[in-house]
């Protein structure tokens, strides 16, 4: 190993070390990337406050996480999503960017003023309402503003509270959902009526007007209510027809004439044939009187024994009177009816139904119109769906025509491939693609980077051996020619040496470092000189006399002239 290391030299060892370090770093990255757990979405659409609180809690619990979309999304390992959500929910996170009743958990009630307490109560109520509204389907975020005016002292008039709500929704809200939000907020705030609540979406569209109208119009215009009624009827008809002819194979148009006048009717009905006792009055009188001579002063009364004789002269009178009065009244029925605005006066429905398409034995698509019996059944379904009333003039027209665009009939279903048997999710597919890309990059690095470098580092040993052998043979011929030329004064030896040097192989290709080029050149020159000395020594051994004569000649030429 020591001899092999010496033969390689410092430049080659440095190159091999650099390649080894690069490979180690690359494969360490590959191993770490493949061992990294698959991340899944924990929460999305977070505010900065919620994101900061969640990150602190995850760091405290030593849970790995990733922030994406400027902190609005938090990702954690897939196997920890459910557990982390439960733990954060226990701590009341995320709060949704609003402050609820927990604002009173941190405040000091003794040092705060009544104004601060009132503002905190208002903020808490708005935050709690916003959280409740976000629980409704299609609502992503909500913000509630409440106006609760205080009654001034010694004032008989009192302003009604009002509210405004800004919603961020996915798609659109149904009218029933908008009414539910208004009644939800009105029920949670004392003295607030649903008509005093305005609702606006993130696009600035007015979903509900808070002008306080008492007509029950819920802030919508006449055209909006008419369009909503027609849309509801059309959806009902399309839904029931699609279950028969297939989705997209029927077109329905509904026109509804509506009366938006609010009518109040009062009806009094008198029936002379029916009499009822209204009141009964009974009066009864009774009187009595006594008449005689006991109280008279007469001569007879003064005589002895007059009292016995006068007792039979007394008389008594009595009378009795009964009076009854009965009052009768004709039967009367009073009825008051209030007809609210928005009643349907007349409905017209136009239904266009496509025919039947089928493939024949040759695979061609053939069209067949629907039968009259089937159209009659579809008409019966439509009449039931819209509440058909012939007395108010409702009309239904059903026509069977071929659509311009035929449906795409599916070919016979082929067996599913093996990879569709497994229920792969988007995360699984993304992870597999990442691993495939990393594997491909690894192969490319091995083939186009590591392999050429190792070949360039290890190949010069064989090429150098061949170059030394070729240079030695050429240098030997040049040295022999030089020795004979020096003895006979011929210059063929120098040409032979020059030819031997020129015949040496060129530098090893692929070594771009100047230092390595110089080292290679020095090695080749040393080996050529060594081969020349060996050849000269052999010539001296074979021809000692000629050698001595040549040396003497060199010495005589070297002596200075007198």
Protein backbone atom coordinates (compact mmCIF):
# COMPACT_ATOMS: atom_id res chain seq x y z
CA UNK A 1 0.00 0.00 0.00
CA UNK A 2 2.90 2.35 0.77
CA UNK A 3 4.55 1.71 -2.59
CA UNK A 4 1.19 2.10 -4.36
CA UNK A 5 0.62 5.39 -2.55
CA UNK A 6 4.07 6.66 -3.53
CA UNK A 7 3.48 5.73 -7.15
CA UNK A 8 0.15 7.61 -7.19
CA UNK A 9 1.63 10.85 -5.98
CA UNK A 10 0.15 13.75 -4.05
CA UNK A 11 -2.02 15.20 -6.88
CA UNK A 12 -3.73 11.90 -7.57
CA UNK A 13 -4.30 11.27 -3.87
CA UNK A 14 -5.83 14.75 -3.54
CA UNK A 15 -8.12 14.12 -6.51
CA UNK A 16 -9.19 10.76 -5.15
CA UNK A 17 -9.85 12.31 -1.72
CA UNK A 18 -11.98 15.07 -3.25
CA UNK A 19 -14.00 12.52 -5.23
CA UNK A 20 -14.44 10.36 -2.14
CA UNK A 21 -15.63 13.31 -0.04
CA UNK A 22 -18.07 14.36 -2.76
CA UNK A 23 -19.49 10.85 -3.01
CA UNK A 24 -19.80 10.53 0.74
CA UNK A 25 -21.64 13.86 0.99
CA UNK A 26 -23.93 12.99 -1.92
CA UNK A 27 -24.90 9.60 -0.56
CA UNK A 28 -25.34 11.01 2.96
CA UNK A 29 -27.85 13.45 1.48
CA UNK A 30 -29.61 10.63 -0.36
CA UNK A 31 -29.81 8.53 2.81
CA UNK A 32 -31.09 11.45 4.89
CA UNK A 33 -33.64 12.38 2.24
CA UNK A 34 -34.94 8.83 1.96
CA UNK A 35 -35.08 8.42 5.74
CA UNK A 36 -36.97 11.69 6.21
CA UNK A 37 -40.60 11.03 7.24
CA UNK A 38 -43.42 11.88 4.89
CA UNK A 39 -44.97 15.21 5.82
CA UNK A 40 -48.73 15.84 5.79
CA UNK A 41 -50.82 18.97 6.21
CA UNK A 42 -51.71 19.79 9.80
CA UNK A 43 -53.49 23.17 9.39
CA UNK A 44 -53.96 25.59 6.51
CA UNK A 45 -55.14 29.18 6.03
CA UNK A 46 -53.60 30.17 9.35
CA UNK A 47 -53.09 33.71 10.49
CA UNK A 48 -49.68 34.85 11.67
CA UNK A 49 -50.80 34.75 15.30
CA UNK A 50 -52.09 31.18 15.04
CA UNK A 51 -49.04 30.05 13.08
CA UNK A 52 -46.67 31.51 15.68
CA UNK A 53 -48.55 29.88 18.56
CA UNK A 54 -48.62 26.48 16.81
CA UNK A 55 -44.89 26.62 16.01
CA UNK A 56 -44.03 27.39 19.64
CA UNK A 57 -46.16 24.50 20.83
CA UNK A 58 -44.59 22.09 18.30
CA UNK A 59 -41.10 23.16 19.32
CA UNK A 60 -41.99 22.65 22.96
CA UNK A 61 -43.24 19.16 22.20
CA UNK A 62 -40.20 18.45 19.96
CA UNK A 63 -42.31 17.62 16.92
CA UNK A 64 -40.78 18.06 13.47
CA UNK A 65 -42.64 20.52 11.27
CA UNK A 66 -42.42 22.47 8.03
CA UNK A 67 -43.86 25.89 7.19
CA UNK A 68 -45.11 26.57 3.69
CA UNK A 69 -47.07 29.26 1.89
CA UNK A 70 -45.54 32.06 3.98
CA UNK A 71 -46.45 30.35 7.23
CA UNK A 72 -50.12 29.81 6.34
CA UNK A 73 -49.64 26.02 6.19
CA UNK A 74 -48.00 23.76 8.77
CA UNK A 75 -46.85 20.22 7.91
CA UNK A 76 -45.91 17.48 10.37
CA UNK A 77 -45.02 13.76 9.92
CA UNK A 78 -47.96 11.83 8.57
CA UNK A 79 -48.08 9.36 11.45
CA UNK A 80 -48.39 12.19 14.00
CA UNK A 81 -51.11 14.33 12.39
CA UNK A 82 -54.06 13.00 14.41
CA UNK A 83 -52.22 13.05 17.74
CA UNK A 84 -50.85 16.57 17.25
CA UNK A 85 -54.28 17.91 16.24
CA UNK A 86 -55.83 16.52 19.40
CA UNK A 87 -53.07 17.98 21.55
CA UNK A 88 -53.38 21.42 19.95
CA UNK A 89 -57.17 21.31 20.19
CA UNK A 90 -56.82 20.68 23.91
CA UNK A 91 -54.92 23.97 24.14
CA UNK A 92 -57.51 25.86 22.07
CA UNK A 93 -55.42 26.15 18.92
CA UNK A 94 -55.85 27.38 16.32
CA UNK A 95 -57.99 30.24 17.49
CA UNK A 96 -58.72 31.47 13.98
CA UNK A 97 -57.24 34.92 14.43
CA UNK A 98 -59.98 36.06 16.80
CA UNK A 99 -60.08 36.57 20.54
CA UNK A 100 -62.76 34.79 22.51
CA UNK A 101 -63.73 34.69 26.14
CA UNK A 102 -60.20 33.61 27.03
CA UNK A 103 -59.32 37.31 26.98
CA UNK A 104 -60.64 37.48 30.55
CA UNK A 105 -58.25 34.74 31.70
CA UNK A 106 -55.19 37.00 31.39
CA UNK A 107 -56.57 40.39 32.35
CA UNK A 108 -56.51 41.97 35.80
CA UNK A 109 -60.07 42.85 36.65
CA UNK A 110 -59.06 45.00 39.61
CA UNK A 111 -56.89 47.41 37.65
CA UNK A 112 -59.01 47.66 34.48
CA UNK A 113 -61.64 50.33 33.99
CA UNK A 114 -65.24 49.82 33.02
CA UNK A 115 -64.46 51.01 29.49
CA UNK A 116 -61.74 48.38 29.09
CA UNK A 117 -64.02 45.70 30.47
CA UNK A 118 -66.74 46.73 28.03
CA UNK A 119 -64.35 46.63 25.08
CA UNK A 120 -63.02 43.23 26.12
CA UNK A 121 -66.56 41.88 26.38
CA UNK A 122 -67.35 43.20 22.91
CA UNK A 123 -64.16 41.68 21.46
CA UNK A 124 -64.86 38.36 23.14
CA UNK A 125 -68.41 38.26 21.80
CA UNK A 126 -67.27 39.08 18.27
CA UNK A 127 -64.54 36.43 18.42
CA UNK A 128 -66.87 33.72 19.68
CA UNK A 129 -69.43 34.49 17.00
CA UNK A 130 -66.74 34.39 14.30
CA UNK A 131 -65.58 30.97 15.52
CA UNK A 132 -69.13 29.64 15.46
CA UNK A 133 -69.77 30.94 11.95
CA UNK A 134 -66.56 29.30 10.67
CA UNK A 135 -68.02 25.96 11.65
CA UNK A 136 -70.66 26.28 8.91
CA UNK A 137 -70.00 24.42 5.68
CA UNK A 138 -68.27 26.43 2.90
CA UNK A 139 -67.24 29.20 5.29
CA UNK A 140 -63.45 29.53 5.44
CA UNK A 141 -63.15 32.59 7.64
CA UNK A 142 -65.46 35.14 9.22
CA UNK A 143 -65.18 38.49 10.92
CA UNK A 144 -67.97 40.03 12.99
CA UNK A 145 -68.47 43.68 13.93
CA UNK A 146 -71.10 44.51 16.54
CA UNK A 147 -72.52 47.93 17.28
CA UNK A 148 -74.16 47.94 20.72
CA UNK A 149 -75.20 51.54 21.50
CA UNK A 150 -75.54 52.55 25.13
CA UNK A 151 -78.67 54.26 26.31
CA UNK A 152 -78.01 57.84 27.37
CA UNK A 153 -79.20 59.06 30.75
CA UNK A 154 -82.66 60.60 30.90
CA UNK A 155 -83.33 59.56 27.31
CA UNK A 156 -86.51 57.85 26.29
CA UNK A 157 -85.29 56.86 22.85
CA UNK A 158 -82.97 53.93 22.43
CA UNK A 159 -80.95 53.02 19.31
CA UNK A 160 -81.22 49.46 18.10
CA UNK A 161 -78.02 47.36 17.88
CA UNK A 162 -76.68 46.29 14.50
CA UNK A 163 -74.04 43.96 13.13
CA UNK A 164 -71.96 43.45 10.00
CA UNK A 165 -70.31 40.19 8.96
CA UNK A 166 -67.60 39.62 6.35
CA UNK A 167 -67.30 36.05 5.06
CA UNK A 168 -64.73 34.21 3.01
CA UNK A 169 -66.47 31.27 1.42
CA UNK A 170 -65.68 28.39 -0.91
CA UNK A 171 -68.08 28.59 -3.81
CA UNK A 172 -71.32 30.20 -2.70
CA UNK A 173 -73.74 30.13 0.21
CA UNK A 174 -77.32 29.03 -0.05
CA UNK A 175 -80.06 31.49 0.99
CA UNK A 176 -80.93 29.16 3.86
CA UNK A 177 -77.35 29.35 5.14
CA UNK A 178 -77.40 33.15 4.98
CA UNK A 179 -80.63 33.26 6.96
CA UNK A 180 -79.17 30.82 9.47
CA UNK A 181 -76.14 33.06 10.02
CA UNK A 182 -78.35 36.12 10.57
CA UNK A 183 -80.59 34.36 13.07
CA UNK A 184 -77.57 32.84 14.81
CA UNK A 185 -76.01 36.23 15.46
CA UNK A 186 -79.34 37.83 16.34
CA UNK A 187 -80.03 35.15 18.94
CA UNK A 188 -76.62 35.63 20.56
CA UNK A 189 -76.87 39.44 20.97
CA UNK A 190 -79.55 40.97 23.16
CA UNK A 191 -81.94 43.25 21.32
CA UNK A 192 -80.50 42.51 17.85
CA UNK A 193 -82.98 41.64 15.11
CA UNK A 194 -82.05 39.62 12.00
CA UNK A 195 -83.06 42.51 9.75
CA UNK A 196 -80.31 44.65 11.29
CA UNK A 197 -77.48 42.33 10.20
CA UNK A 198 -75.52 42.88 6.98
CA UNK A 199 -73.48 40.08 5.39
CA UNK A 200 -70.80 40.67 2.74
CA UNK A 201 -68.45 38.16 1.09
CA UNK A 202 -64.78 38.66 0.27
CA UNK A 203 -65.67 39.82 -3.24
CA UNK A 204 -67.73 42.75 -1.93
CA UNK A 205 -71.07 41.21 -2.87
CA UNK A 206 -73.97 41.98 -0.56
CA UNK A 207 -75.45 38.71 0.66
CA UNK A 208 -77.88 40.24 3.16
CA UNK A 209 -78.96 43.83 3.68
CA UNK A 210 -79.15 45.23 7.19
CA UNK A 211 -81.49 48.12 6.38
CA UNK A 212 -84.02 46.82 8.87
CA UNK A 213 -86.88 46.15 6.44
CA UNK A 214 -89.83 44.45 8.07
CA UNK A 215 -91.21 42.93 4.91
CA UNK A 216 -89.23 39.77 5.27
CA UNK A 217 -87.39 40.33 2.01
CA UNK A 218 -84.09 39.72 3.80
CA UNK A 219 -82.42 42.51 1.90
CA UNK A 220 -82.76 40.84 -1.50
CA UNK A 221 -84.14 42.58 -4.54
CA UNK A 222 -87.17 41.49 -6.54
CA UNK A 223 -85.04 40.16 -9.38
CA UNK A 224 -82.86 38.18 -6.99
CA UNK A 225 -85.84 36.54 -5.35
CA UNK A 226 -87.38 35.74 -8.71
CA UNK A 227 -84.11 34.28 -10.00
CA UNK A 228 -83.69 32.28 -6.81
CA UNK A 229 -87.18 30.79 -7.11
CA UNK A 230 -86.60 29.86 -10.75
CA UNK A 231 -83.20 28.35 -9.95
CA UNK A 232 -84.69 26.24 -7.17
CA UNK A 233 -87.42 24.89 -9.42
CA UNK A 234 -84.96 24.23 -12.24
CA UNK A 235 -82.62 22.30 -9.97
CA UNK A 236 -85.50 20.17 -8.71
CA UNK A 237 -86.65 19.34 -12.23
CA UNK A 238 -83.12 18.65 -13.53
CA UNK A 239 -82.35 16.42 -10.58
CA UNK A 240 -85.40 14.22 -11.07
CA UNK A 241 -85.01 14.05 -14.87
CA UNK A 242 -81.27 13.28 -14.71
CA UNK A 243 -82.04 10.19 -12.69
CA UNK A 244 -84.06 8.90 -15.67
CA UNK A 245 -82.25 10.11 -18.82
CA UNK A 246 -78.77 10.49 -17.34
CA UNK A 247 -76.74 13.53 -16.26
CA UNK A 248 -76.33 16.20 -18.90
CA UNK A 249 -78.95 14.72 -21.25
CA UNK A 250 -81.73 17.21 -20.42
CA UNK A 251 -82.03 21.00 -20.50
CA UNK A 252 -84.60 22.75 -18.31
CA UNK A 253 -85.75 26.37 -18.33
CA UNK A 254 -88.22 27.73 -15.77
CA UNK A 255 -90.07 31.05 -15.81
CA UNK A 256 -91.97 32.04 -12.68
CA UNK A 257 -94.37 34.98 -12.51
CA UNK A 258 -94.40 36.24 -8.94
CA UNK A 259 -96.44 38.78 -7.04
CA UNK A 260 -94.42 40.87 -4.59
CA UNK A 261 -97.36 42.86 -3.19
CA UNK A 262 -98.05 42.39 0.48
CA UNK A 263 -101.81 42.13 1.02
CA UNK A 264 -103.78 42.27 4.28
CA UNK A 265 -107.46 41.19 4.08
CA UNK A 266 -110.14 41.43 6.82
CA UNK A 267 -113.44 39.55 6.28
CA UNK A 268 -116.66 39.88 8.36
CA UNK A 269 -119.28 37.17 7.69
CA UNK A 270 -122.86 37.53 9.11
CA UNK A 271 -125.29 34.57 9.07
CA UNK A 272 -128.90 35.65 9.64
CA UNK A 273 -130.05 32.06 9.97
CA UNK A 274 -127.93 31.55 12.99
CA UNK A 275 -128.84 33.42 16.15
CA UNK A 276 -127.04 33.31 19.39
CA UNK A 277 -128.00 34.68 22.80
CA UNK A 278 -125.90 37.68 23.54
CA UNK A 279 -127.31 38.61 26.99
CA UNK A 280 -130.22 37.76 29.33
CA UNK A 281 -131.66 40.19 31.95
CA UNK A 282 -134.26 39.10 34.61
CA UNK A 283 -136.07 41.58 36.91
CA UNK A 284 -138.40 40.54 39.82
CA UNK A 285 -140.46 42.91 42.12
CA UNK A 286 -142.44 41.97 45.30
CA UNK A 287 -144.55 44.30 47.72
CA UNK A 288 -147.02 43.89 50.74
CA UNK A 289 -149.18 46.29 52.96
CA UNK A 290 -151.44 46.10 56.20
CA UNK A 291 -154.66 48.30 56.72
CA UNK A 292 -156.89 48.66 60.12
CA UNK A 293 -158.37 51.06 62.80
CA UNK A 294 -155.87 50.56 65.54
CA UNK A 295 -154.28 53.85 64.97
CA UNK A 296 -157.62 55.87 64.80
CA UNK A 297 -158.99 57.88 67.78
CA UNK A 298 -162.72 57.35 67.91
CA UNK A 299 -165.53 57.17 70.54
CA UNK A 300 -165.73 53.44 70.03
CA UNK A 301 -162.06 52.95 70.72
CA UNK A 302 -162.37 54.84 73.94
CA UNK A 303 -165.15 52.65 75.29
CA UNK A 304 -164.32 49.74 77.60
CA UNK A 305 -163.85 46.50 75.64
CA UNK A 306 -163.38 48.29 72.36
CA UNK A 307 -160.01 46.54 71.52
CA UNK A 308 -161.50 43.06 71.43
CA UNK A 309 -164.18 44.04 69.10
CA UNK A 310 -161.93 45.97 66.70
CA UNK A 311 -159.31 43.21 66.03
CA UNK A 312 -161.29 41.73 63.21
CA UNK A 313 -161.40 44.91 61.24
CA UNK A 314 -157.58 44.75 60.10
CA UNK A 315 -156.75 43.84 56.37
CA UNK A 316 -153.36 42.97 54.47
CA UNK A 317 -152.38 43.38 50.73
CA UNK A 318 -149.37 41.77 48.80
CA UNK A 319 -148.13 42.02 45.09
CA UNK A 320 -145.27 40.32 43.00
CA UNK A 321 -143.88 41.25 39.50
CA UNK A 322 -141.27 39.37 37.30
CA UNK A 323 -139.70 40.85 34.13
CA UNK A 324 -137.10 39.05 31.80
CA UNK A 325 -135.26 40.59 28.82
CA UNK A 326 -133.29 38.40 26.31
CA UNK A 327 -130.98 40.00 23.69
CA UNK A 328 -130.16 37.98 20.53
CA UNK A 329 -127.33 38.62 17.97
CA UNK A 330 -126.76 37.33 14.44
CA UNK A 331 -123.72 34.93 14.05
CA UNK A 332 -120.63 36.80 12.83
CA UNK A 333 -117.22 35.46 11.63
CA UNK A 334 -114.26 37.85 11.39
CA UNK A 335 -111.07 36.71 9.59
CA UNK A 336 -107.87 38.65 8.86
CA UNK A 337 -105.41 37.29 6.27
CA UNK A 338 -101.94 38.63 5.49
CA UNK A 339 -100.55 37.50 2.12
CA UNK A 340 -96.79 37.98 2.17
CA UNK A 341 -94.88 39.22 -0.85
CA UNK A 342 -93.30 36.74 -3.21
CA UNK A 343 -96.09 34.32 -3.98
CA UNK A 344 -96.02 32.44 -7.28
CA UNK A 345 -98.73 33.43 -9.74
CA UNK A 346 -97.76 31.22 -12.68
CA UNK A 347 -95.00 28.76 -13.66
CA UNK A 348 -93.85 27.81 -17.14
CA UNK A 349 -91.40 24.94 -17.66
CA UNK A 350 -89.66 23.97 -20.91
CA UNK A 351 -87.83 20.62 -20.94
CA UNK A 352 -85.59 19.41 -23.77
CA UNK A 353 -84.71 15.72 -23.52
CA UNK A 354 -82.12 13.87 -25.55
CA UNK A 355 -82.74 10.46 -27.07
CA UNK A 356 -81.15 7.08 -26.46
CA UNK A 357 -77.69 6.16 -27.76
CA UNK A 358 -76.46 2.59 -28.10
CA UNK A 359 -73.62 0.75 -29.80
CA UNK A 360 -74.33 -1.92 -32.39
CA UNK A 361 -72.32 -5.04 -33.09
CA UNK A 362 -69.85 -3.09 -35.25
CA UNK A 363 -69.23 -0.53 -32.50
CA UNK A 364 -71.13 2.33 -34.18
CA UNK A 365 -73.26 4.69 -32.06
CA UNK A 366 -76.93 4.72 -33.06
CA UNK A 367 -79.58 7.25 -31.99
CA UNK A 368 -83.11 6.28 -31.03
CA UNK A 369 -85.87 8.76 -29.99
CA UNK A 370 -87.74 8.24 -26.76
CA UNK A 371 -91.24 6.86 -26.79
CA UNK A 372 -94.34 8.94 -26.10
CA UNK A 373 -95.09 6.87 -23.02
CA UNK A 374 -91.69 7.69 -21.54
CA UNK A 375 -92.18 11.40 -22.25
CA UNK A 376 -95.57 11.29 -20.50
CA UNK A 377 -93.97 9.76 -17.44
CA UNK A 378 -91.28 12.46 -17.45
CA UNK A 379 -94.05 15.08 -17.70
CA UNK A 380 -95.80 13.59 -14.68
CA UNK A 381 -92.58 13.80 -12.70
CA UNK A 382 -92.08 17.44 -13.70
CA UNK A 383 -95.65 18.36 -12.68
CA UNK A 384 -95.13 16.81 -9.29
CA UNK A 385 -91.77 18.53 -8.83
CA UNK A 386 -93.01 22.08 -9.48
CA UNK A 387 -96.42 21.72 -7.78
CA UNK A 388 -98.40 22.04 -11.01
CA UNK A 389 -101.64 24.00 -10.65
CA UNK A 390 -103.84 24.21 -13.71
CA UNK A 391 -106.11 26.88 -12.19
CA UNK A 392 -103.30 29.43 -12.04
CA UNK A 393 -102.30 28.69 -15.66
CA UNK A 394 -99.11 26.63 -15.24
CA UNK A 395 -97.60 25.26 -18.46
CA UNK A 396 -95.19 22.37 -19.12
CA UNK A 397 -93.66 21.61 -22.50
CA UNK A 398 -91.49 18.49 -22.99
CA UNK A 399 -89.73 17.96 -26.33
CA UNK A 400 -87.50 15.09 -27.39
CA UNK A 401 -84.75 16.20 -29.80
CA UNK A 402 -81.30 14.97 -30.63
CA UNK A 403 -78.53 17.04 -29.07
CA UNK A 404 -75.80 18.45 -31.28
CA UNK A 405 -73.13 16.77 -29.17
CA UNK A 406 -73.54 13.06 -28.64
CA UNK A 407 -72.44 11.52 -25.35
CA UNK A 408 -69.19 9.64 -25.12
CA UNK A 409 -70.18 6.05 -24.60
CA UNK A 410 -67.69 4.24 -22.46
CA UNK A 411 -65.96 1.22 -23.97
CA UNK A 412 -66.16 -2.11 -22.18
CA UNK A 413 -64.34 -1.71 -18.93
CA UNK A 414 -60.95 -3.35 -18.99
CA UNK A 415 -59.49 -5.01 -15.92
CA UNK A 416 -57.67 -2.59 -13.68
CA UNK A 417 -53.87 -2.72 -13.74
CA UNK A 418 -52.07 -3.98 -10.69
CA UNK A 419 -50.97 -0.53 -9.54
CA UNK A 420 -54.58 0.70 -9.33
CA UNK A 421 -55.47 -2.06 -6.88
CA UNK A 422 -53.61 -0.21 -4.15
CA UNK A 423 -55.19 2.97 -2.88
CA UNK A 424 -52.34 5.44 -3.43
CA UNK A 425 -52.79 8.98 -2.18
CA UNK A 426 -51.27 12.14 -3.62
CA UNK A 427 -48.63 12.13 -0.91
CA UNK A 428 -47.63 8.56 -1.74
CA UNK A 429 -47.31 9.37 -5.44
CA UNK A 430 -45.30 12.54 -4.73
CA UNK A 431 -42.98 10.64 -2.40
CA UNK A 432 -42.43 7.89 -5.00
CA UNK A 433 -41.61 10.49 -7.67
CA UNK A 434 -39.08 12.15 -5.36
CA UNK A 435 -37.38 8.83 -4.66
CA UNK A 436 -37.28 7.97 -8.38
CA UNK A 437 -35.68 11.34 -9.19
CA UNK A 438 -33.06 10.88 -6.46
CA UNK A 439 -32.26 7.38 -7.74
CA UNK A 440 -31.91 8.65 -11.30
CA UNK A 441 -29.60 11.45 -10.18
CA UNK A 442 -27.50 8.95 -8.24
CA UNK A 443 -27.08 6.75 -11.32
CA UNK A 444 -26.15 9.73 -13.48
CA UNK A 445 -23.53 10.85 -10.94
CA UNK A 446 -22.01 7.37 -10.83
CA UNK A 447 -21.93 6.97 -14.62
CA UNK A 448 -20.91 10.43 -15.79
CA UNK A 449 -18.92 11.79 -12.83
CA UNK A 450 -17.44 9.07 -10.65
CA UNK A 451 -16.60 6.60 -13.41
CA UNK A 452 -14.62 9.06 -15.64
CA UNK A 453 -12.75 10.45 -12.64
CA UNK A 454 -11.68 7.03 -11.45
CA UNK A 455 -10.66 6.07 -14.97
CA UNK A 456 -8.51 9.19 -15.34
CA UNK A 457 -6.90 8.61 -11.96
CA UNK A 458 -6.09 4.89 -12.41
CA UNK A 459 -5.34 4.72 -16.21
CA UNK A 460 -1.89 6.59 -16.29
CA UNK A 461 -0.01 3.61 -14.70
CA UNK A 462 -0.43 1.39 -17.76
CA UNK A 463 0.10 4.23 -20.22
CA UNK A 464 3.25 5.36 -18.40
CA UNK A 465 4.77 1.86 -18.54
CA UNK A 466 4.21 1.71 -22.29
CA UNK A 467 5.68 5.21 -22.70
CA UNK A 468 8.82 4.30 -20.72
CA UNK A 469 9.42 1.18 -22.81
CA UNK A 470 9.08 3.10 -26.10
CA UNK A 471 11.30 5.95 -24.86
CA UNK A 472 14.03 3.59 -23.64
CA UNK A 473 14.37 1.84 -27.00
CA UNK A 474 14.51 5.13 -28.92
CA UNK A 475 16.94 6.67 -26.44
CA UNK A 476 19.25 3.65 -26.70
CA UNK A 477 19.56 4.09 -30.45
CA UNK A 478 20.21 7.79 -30.03
CA UNK A 479 22.93 7.24 -27.40
CA UNK A 480 24.75 4.69 -29.59
CA UNK A 481 24.68 7.04 -32.50
CA UNK A 482 26.02 9.85 -30.30
CA UNK A 483 28.97 7.76 -29.07
CA UNK A 484 30.02 6.68 -32.56
CA UNK A 485 29.56 10.23 -33.80
CA UNK A 486 31.83 11.59 -31.08
CA UNK A 487 34.50 9.02 -31.96
CA UNK A 488 34.25 9.51 -35.75
CA UNK A 489 33.11 13.13 -35.77
CA UNK A 490 29.68 12.17 -37.09
CA UNK A 491 26.55 13.95 -35.92
CA UNK A 492 24.31 10.96 -36.30
CA UNK A 493 24.51 10.29 -32.55
CA UNK A 494 22.98 13.64 -31.70
CA UNK A 495 20.24 13.14 -34.28
CA UNK A 496 19.63 9.72 -32.79
CA UNK A 497 19.29 11.19 -29.32
CA UNK A 498 17.01 13.91 -30.63
CA UNK A 499 14.98 11.35 -32.51
CA UNK A 500 14.84 9.25 -29.38
CA UNK A 501 13.51 12.18 -27.39
CA UNK A 502 10.99 13.08 -30.06
CA UNK A 503 9.89 9.49 -30.31
CA UNK A 504 8.92 9.51 -26.64
CA UNK A 505 5.18 9.34 -26.15
CA UNK A 506 3.29 12.60 -25.52
CA UNK A 507 1.98 13.56 -22.14
CA UNK A 508 -0.85 11.51 -20.70
CA UNK A 509 -4.12 13.08 -21.93
CA UNK A 510 -6.70 14.22 -19.41
CA UNK A 511 -4.28 15.69 -16.82
CA UNK A 512 -5.00 19.38 -16.89
CA UNK A 513 -3.00 20.29 -13.84
CA UNK A 514 0.31 22.01 -14.80
CA UNK A 515 2.11 20.54 -11.80
CA UNK A 516 1.24 17.00 -12.81
CA UNK A 517 2.44 17.71 -16.35
CA UNK A 518 5.82 18.88 -15.06
CA UNK A 519 6.15 15.83 -12.81
CA UNK A 520 5.38 13.48 -15.69
CA UNK A 521 7.92 15.25 -17.95
CA UNK A 522 10.64 15.04 -15.27
CA UNK A 523 10.00 11.35 -14.75
CA UNK A 524 10.21 10.64 -18.47
CA UNK A 525 13.44 12.63 -18.86
CA UNK A 526 15.05 10.85 -15.90
CA UNK A 527 14.15 7.45 -17.27
CA UNK A 528 15.51 8.42 -20.72
CA UNK A 529 18.81 9.60 -19.17
CA UNK A 530 19.06 6.39 -17.17
CA UNK A 531 18.55 4.31 -20.31
CA UNK A 532 21.18 6.39 -22.16
CA UNK A 533 23.79 5.88 -19.43
CA UNK A 534 23.14 2.15 -19.41
CA UNK A 535 23.63 1.94 -23.16
CA UNK A 536 26.82 4.02 -23.02
CA UNK A 537 28.28 1.79 -20.29
CA UNK A 538 27.61 -1.26 -22.43
CA UNK A 539 29.43 0.36 -25.37
CA UNK A 540 32.41 1.24 -23.13
CA UNK A 541 32.65 -2.38 -21.94
CA UNK A 542 32.63 -3.67 -25.50
CA UNK A 543 35.03 -1.05 -26.96
CA UNK A 544 37.50 0.05 -24.26
CA UNK A 545 40.22 1.26 -26.66
CA UNK A 546 37.91 3.46 -28.69
CA UNK A 547 36.50 4.82 -25.48
CA UNK A 548 39.95 5.75 -24.12
CA UNK A 549 40.82 7.48 -27.37
CA UNK A 550 37.63 9.51 -27.28
CA UNK A 551 38.23 10.58 -23.68
CA UNK A 552 41.80 11.64 -24.50
CA UNK A 553 40.52 13.64 -27.40
CA UNK A 554 38.00 15.39 -25.11
CA UNK A 555 40.76 16.19 -22.62
CA UNK A 556 43.04 17.63 -25.28
CA UNK A 557 40.17 19.77 -26.59
CA UNK A 558 39.41 20.94 -23.08
CA UNK A 559 43.03 22.16 -22.38
CA UNK A 560 43.43 25.94 -22.92
CA UNK A 561 45.52 27.07 -25.91
CA UNK A 562 48.94 28.71 -25.05
